[in-house]
Amino acid sequence: MSAPADRPVTALVPGVLALLPSYRSIEDPVADLRAACRAAVGRLGPRVRVVASPATGGSGAAVAAALVAEVGAEVVETGETGVLVVGNGSAKRTEKAPGHLDERAEAFDAALRADFSAAATDPALAADLWADTTCLADLPPLADADVLYDAAPFGVQYWVAVWPR
């Protein structure tokens, strides 16, 4: 299935604080994730509109702005832009996950993987699982995207994907 012609190029990245320049170290624990994010954001063009949940205290928007700057693009509010959506699946997939293990996490992430609007049907479960899904509901399915990253390091489900125009 192809995207509607009037939809801008859209990318999804997680709002992982480890992606911020101030969190870098000699060894990069998220090198693969960082490379995927840069590749995705680089496909959005020179002007990027960021869609991030205010529930994260601004960290998602900060990560997005840093990624946009790293690829030499500019964050804008209006006009012809690519769209960068910030969000992630559950943060309770393993014993060492930030939210500890919750047996519901893998099934929740599988449902999101199939249809991002699934998060909108049960926002209480998304909140219980520490999933940042507020901005995901309007995204097309991952099956329609070029998925650059799909993994759960640190027990948190992250996706990096691009939906072309």
C-alpha atoms as a PDB file:
ATOM      1  CA  MET A   1       0.000   0.000   0.000  1.00  0.00           C
ATOM      2  CA  SER A   2       1.418   3.384  -0.896  1.00  0.00           C
ATOM      3  CA  ALA A   3       1.031   6.599   1.040  1.00  0.00           C
ATOM      4  CA  PRO A   4      -1.378   9.324  -0.066  1.00  0.00           C
ATOM      5  CA  ALA A   5       0.369  11.842  -2.317  1.00  0.00           C
ATOM      6  CA  ASP A   6      -0.539  14.767  -0.053  1.00  0.00           C
ATOM      7  CA  ARG A   7       1.058  13.293   3.065  1.00  0.00           C
ATOM      8  CA  PRO A   8       4.570  14.591   3.785  1.00  0.00           C
ATOM      9  CA  VAL A   9       7.519  12.296   4.272  1.00  0.00           C
ATOM     10  CA  THR A  10       7.185  11.185   7.884  1.00  0.00           C
ATOM     11  CA  ALA A  11       9.666   9.540  10.236  1.00  0.00           C
ATOM     12  CA  LEU A  12       9.356   7.982  13.682  1.00  0.00           C
ATOM     13  CA  VAL A  13      12.171   8.041  16.236  1.00  0.00           C
ATOM     14  CA  PRO A  14      12.210   7.333  19.974  1.00  0.00           C
ATOM     15  CA  GLY A  15      12.811  10.137  22.459  1.00  0.00           C
ATOM     16  CA  VAL A  16      15.783   8.387  24.018  1.00  0.00           C
ATOM     17  CA  LEU A  17      17.861  10.755  26.131  1.00  0.00           C
ATOM     18  CA  ALA A  18      20.981   8.783  25.179  1.00  0.00           C
ATOM     19  CA  LEU A  19      20.599  10.319  21.701  1.00  0.00           C
ATOM     20  CA  LEU A  20      21.243  13.823  23.053  1.00  0.00           C
ATOM     21  CA  PRO A  21      24.767  15.193  22.503  1.00  0.00           C
ATOM     22  CA  SER A  22      25.129  15.858  26.241  1.00  0.00           C
ATOM     23  CA  TYR A  23      24.718  12.135  26.963  1.00  0.00           C
ATOM     24  CA  ARG A  24      27.444  10.954  24.565  1.00  0.00           C
ATOM     25  CA  SER A  25      30.446   9.106  25.872  1.00  0.00           C
ATOM     26  CA  ILE A  26      33.488   7.343  24.450  1.00  0.00           C
ATOM     27  CA  GLU A  27      31.463   4.165  24.024  1.00  0.00           C
ATOM     28  CA  ASP A  28      28.065   4.711  22.442  1.00  0.00           C
ATOM     29  CA  PRO A  29      25.550   2.209  23.866  1.00  0.00           C
ATOM     30  CA  VAL A  30      22.996   3.221  21.229  1.00  0.00           C
ATOM     31  CA  ALA A  31      25.233   3.478  18.148  1.00  0.00           C
ATOM     32  CA  ASP A  32      22.933   1.416  15.904  1.00  0.00           C
ATOM     33  CA  LEU A  33      19.879   3.327  17.095  1.00  0.00           C
ATOM     34  CA  ARG A  34      21.645   6.671  16.598  1.00  0.00           C
ATOM     35  CA  ALA A  35      22.688   5.738  13.053  1.00  0.00           C
ATOM     36  CA  ALA A  36      19.139   4.673  12.189  1.00  0.00           C
ATOM     37  CA  CYS A  37      17.714   7.915  13.619  1.00  0.00           C
ATOM     38  CA  ARG A  38      20.158  10.049  11.648  1.00  0.00           C
ATOM     39  CA  ALA A  39      19.345   8.149   8.462  1.00  0.00           C
ATOM     40  CA  ALA A  40      15.605   8.576   9.017  1.00  0.00           C
ATOM     41  CA  VAL A  41      15.782  12.275   9.884  1.00  0.00           C
ATOM     42  CA  GLY A  42      18.101  12.870   6.938  1.00  0.00           C
ATOM     43  CA  ARG A  43      15.325  11.716   4.608  1.00  0.00           C
ATOM     44  CA  LEU A  44      12.900  14.395   5.821  1.00  0.00           C
ATOM     45  CA  GLY A  45      14.450  17.307   3.960  1.00  0.00           C
ATOM     46  CA  PRO A  46      15.814  20.668   5.119  1.00  0.00           C
ATOM     47  CA  ARG A  47      12.703  21.740   7.080  1.00  0.00           C
ATOM     48  CA  VAL A  48      11.194  19.447   9.707  1.00  0.00           C
ATOM     49  CA  ARG A  49       8.088  19.760  11.865  1.00  0.00           C
ATOM     50  CA  VAL A  50       8.412  17.875  15.166  1.00  0.00           C
ATOM     51  CA  VAL A  51       5.457  16.074  16.749  1.00  0.00           C
ATOM     52  CA  ALA A  52       6.298  15.021  20.315  1.00  0.00           C
ATOM     53  CA  SER A  53       4.219  14.410  23.406  1.00  0.00           C
ATOM     54  CA  PRO A  54       4.333  17.106  26.073  1.00  0.00           C
ATOM     55  CA  ALA A  55       3.912  14.291  28.611  1.00  0.00           C
ATOM     56  CA  THR A  56       7.639  13.535  28.346  1.00  0.00           C
ATOM     57  CA  GLY A  57       8.509  16.889  29.885  1.00  0.00           C
ATOM     58  CA  GLY A  58       9.996  18.110  26.628  1.00  0.00           C
ATOM     59  CA  SER A  59      12.618  15.377  26.320  1.00  0.00           C
ATOM     60  CA  GLY A  60      11.111  13.997  23.101  1.00  0.00           C
ATOM     61  CA  ALA A  61      11.141  17.419  21.469  1.00  0.00           C
ATOM     62  CA  ALA A  62      14.718  17.999  22.658  1.00  0.00           C
ATOM     63  CA  VAL A  63      15.892  14.696  21.187  1.00  0.00           C
ATOM     64  CA  ALA A  64      14.105  15.462  17.919  1.00  0.00           C
ATOM     65  CA  ALA A  65      15.645  18.944  17.718  1.00  0.00           C
ATOM     66  CA  ALA A  66      19.120  17.508  18.332  1.00  0.00           C
ATOM     67  CA  LEU A  67      18.670  14.884  15.608  1.00  0.00           C
ATOM     68  CA  VAL A  68      17.369  17.492  13.161  1.00  0.00           C
ATOM     69  CA  ALA A  69      20.375  19.728  13.895  1.00  0.00           C
ATOM     70  CA  GLU A  70      22.789  16.801  13.464  1.00  0.00           C
ATOM     71  CA  VAL A  71      21.653  16.302   9.871  1.00  0.00           C
ATOM     72  CA  GLY A  72      21.828  20.030   9.111  1.00  0.00           C
ATOM     73  CA  ALA A  73      18.082  20.585   8.905  1.00  0.00           C
ATOM     74  CA  GLU A  74      15.890  23.124  10.679  1.00  0.00           C
ATOM     75  CA  VAL A  75      12.914  22.629  13.009  1.00  0.00           C
ATOM     76  CA  VAL A  76       9.944  24.678  11.781  1.00  0.00           C
ATOM     77  CA  GLU A  77       6.288  25.003  12.766  1.00  0.00           C
ATOM     78  CA  THR A  78       4.653  25.513   9.359  1.00  0.00           C
ATOM     79  CA  GLY A  79       5.160  25.300   5.636  1.00  0.00           C
ATOM     80  CA  GLU A  80       6.327  22.486   3.398  1.00  0.00           C
ATOM     81  CA  THR A  81       8.102  20.117   5.759  1.00  0.00           C
ATOM     82  CA  GLY A  82       8.958  16.590   6.601  1.00  0.00           C
ATOM     83  CA  VAL A  83       7.352  15.385   9.822  1.00  0.00           C
ATOM     84  CA  LEU A  84       9.316  13.837  12.680  1.00  0.00           C
ATOM     85  CA  VAL A  85       7.175  11.943  15.200  1.00  0.00           C
ATOM     86  CA  VAL A  86       8.662  10.987  18.566  1.00  0.00           C
ATOM     87  CA  GLY A  87       7.429   7.956  20.482  1.00  0.00           C
ATOM     88  CA  ASN A  88       8.205   4.438  21.657  1.00  0.00           C
ATOM     89  CA  GLY A  89       6.601   1.234  22.794  1.00  0.00           C
ATOM     90  CA  SER A  90       6.627  -0.201  26.280  1.00  0.00           C
ATOM     91  CA  ALA A  91       9.447   0.347  28.771  1.00  0.00           C
ATOM     92  CA  LYS A  92       8.734  -2.804  30.778  1.00  0.00           C
ATOM     93  CA  ARG A  93       9.932  -5.673  28.594  1.00  0.00           C
ATOM     94  CA  THR A  94      12.637  -7.127  30.842  1.00  0.00           C
ATOM     95  CA  GLU A  95      13.643  -7.328  34.505  1.00  0.00           C
ATOM     96  CA  LYS A  96      16.235  -4.588  33.875  1.00  0.00           C
ATOM     97  CA  ALA A  97      13.860  -2.284  31.967  1.00  0.00           C
ATOM     98  CA  PRO A  98      13.276   1.171  33.438  1.00  0.00           C
ATOM     99  CA  GLY A  99       9.783   0.128  34.495  1.00  0.00           C
ATOM    100  CA  HIS A 100      10.735  -3.440  35.458  1.00  0.00           C
ATOM    101  CA  LEU A 101       9.090  -6.460  33.796  1.00  0.00           C
ATOM    102  CA  ASP A 102       5.401  -6.415  32.933  1.00  0.00           C
ATOM    103  CA  GLU A 103       4.122  -9.562  31.215  1.00  0.00           C
ATOM    104  CA  ARG A 104       1.762  -7.470  29.057  1.00  0.00           C
ATOM    105  CA  ALA A 105       4.563  -5.481  27.399  1.00  0.00           C
ATOM    106  CA  GLU A 106       5.485  -7.782  24.507  1.00  0.00           C
ATOM    107  CA  ALA A 107       1.870  -8.292  23.415  1.00  0.00           C
ATOM    108  CA  PHE A 108       1.255  -4.550  23.659  1.00  0.00           C
ATOM    109  CA  ASP A 109       4.279  -3.808  21.465  1.00  0.00           C
ATOM    110  CA  ALA A 110       3.227  -6.474  18.960  1.00  0.00           C
ATOM    111  CA  ALA A 111      -0.204  -4.837  18.698  1.00  0.00           C
ATOM    112  CA  LEU A 112       1.440  -1.440  18.165  1.00  0.00           C
ATOM    113  CA  ARG A 113       3.777  -2.899  15.560  1.00  0.00           C
ATOM    114  CA  ALA A 114       0.712  -4.078  13.616  1.00  0.00           C
ATOM    115  CA  ASP A 115      -1.353  -0.908  14.092  1.00  0.00           C
ATOM    116  CA  PHE A 116      -0.207   2.220  15.923  1.00  0.00           C
ATOM    117  CA  SER A 117      -3.802   3.265  16.567  1.00  0.00           C
ATOM    118  CA  ALA A 118      -4.001   0.332  19.016  1.00  0.00           C
ATOM    119  CA  ALA A 119      -2.450   2.602  21.645  1.00  0.00           C
ATOM    120  CA  ALA A 120      -5.393   4.971  21.364  1.00  0.00           C
ATOM    121  CA  THR A 121      -7.792   2.160  22.224  1.00  0.00           C
ATOM    122  CA  ASP A 122      -6.192   1.574  25.629  1.00  0.00           C
ATOM    123  CA  PRO A 123      -4.330   4.665  26.851  1.00  0.00           C
ATOM    124  CA  ALA A 124      -4.384   3.350  30.426  1.00  0.00           C
ATOM    125  CA  LEU A 125      -2.409   0.266  29.388  1.00  0.00           C
ATOM    126  CA  ALA A 126       0.033   2.446  27.433  1.00  0.00           C
ATOM    127  CA  ALA A 127       0.544   4.543  30.569  1.00  0.00           C
ATOM    128  CA  ASP A 128       0.967   1.435  32.750  1.00  0.00           C
ATOM    129  CA  LEU A 129       3.675   0.177  30.386  1.00  0.00           C
ATOM    130  CA  TRP A 130       5.434   3.569  30.209  1.00  0.00           C
ATOM    131  CA  ALA A 131       4.877   3.715  26.458  1.00  0.00           C
ATOM    132  CA  ASP A 132       5.132   7.123  24.780  1.00  0.00           C
ATOM    133  CA  THR A 133       2.336   6.558  22.278  1.00  0.00           C
ATOM    134  CA  THR A 134       0.474   9.878  22.367  1.00  0.00           C
ATOM    135  CA  CYS A 135       1.667  10.877  18.897  1.00  0.00           C
ATOM    136  CA  LEU A 136       1.648   7.431  17.264  1.00  0.00           C
ATOM    137  CA  ALA A 137      -2.077   6.910  16.637  1.00  0.00           C
ATOM    138  CA  ASP A 138      -2.149   8.790  13.318  1.00  0.00           C
ATOM    139  CA  LEU A 139       0.854   6.991  11.835  1.00  0.00           C
ATOM    140  CA  PRO A 140       0.309   4.436   9.081  1.00  0.00           C
ATOM    141  CA  PRO A 141       1.232   0.824   9.879  1.00  0.00           C
ATOM    142  CA  LEU A 142       4.902  -0.119  10.076  1.00  0.00           C
ATOM    143  CA  ALA A 143       4.239  -2.502   7.184  1.00  0.00           C
ATOM    144  CA  ASP A 144       3.951   0.590   4.954  1.00  0.00           C
ATOM    145  CA  ALA A 145       7.250   2.060   6.169  1.00  0.00           C
ATOM    146  CA  ASP A 146      10.927   1.574   5.589  1.00  0.00           C
ATOM    147  CA  VAL A 147      11.792   0.232   9.060  1.00  0.00           C
ATOM    148  CA  LEU A 148      15.385   1.094   9.950  1.00  0.00           C
ATOM    149  CA  TYR A 149      15.325  -0.120  13.556  1.00  0.00           C
ATOM    150  CA  ASP A 150      13.010  -2.408  15.534  1.00  0.00           C
ATOM    151  CA  ALA A 151      14.472  -3.599  18.828  1.00  0.00           C
ATOM    152  CA  ALA A 152      14.084  -3.377  22.590  1.00  0.00           C
ATOM    153  CA  PRO A 153      17.491  -2.565  24.062  1.00  0.00           C
ATOM    154  CA  PHE A 154      17.363  -1.876  27.773  1.00  0.00           C
ATOM    155  CA  GLY A 155      13.863  -3.423  27.827  1.00  0.00           C
ATOM    156  CA  VAL A 156      12.289  -0.517  25.924  1.00  0.00           C
ATOM    157  CA  GLN A 157      10.712  -0.999  22.480  1.00  0.00           C
ATOM    158  CA  TYR A 158      12.096   1.460  19.925  1.00  0.00           C
ATOM    159  CA  TRP A 159      11.204   1.854  16.274  1.00  0.00           C
ATOM    160  CA  VAL A 160      12.844   4.036  13.665  1.00  0.00           C
ATOM    161  CA  ALA A 161      10.872   4.173  10.441  1.00  0.00           C
ATOM    162  CA  VAL A 162      10.238   6.380   7.425  1.00  0.00           C
ATOM    163  CA  TRP A 163       7.011   6.632   5.468  1.00  0.00           C
ATOM    164  CA  PRO A 164       7.790   8.129   2.053  1.00  0.00           C
ATOM    165  CA  ARG A 165       5.493  10.595   0.364  1.00  0.00           C
END
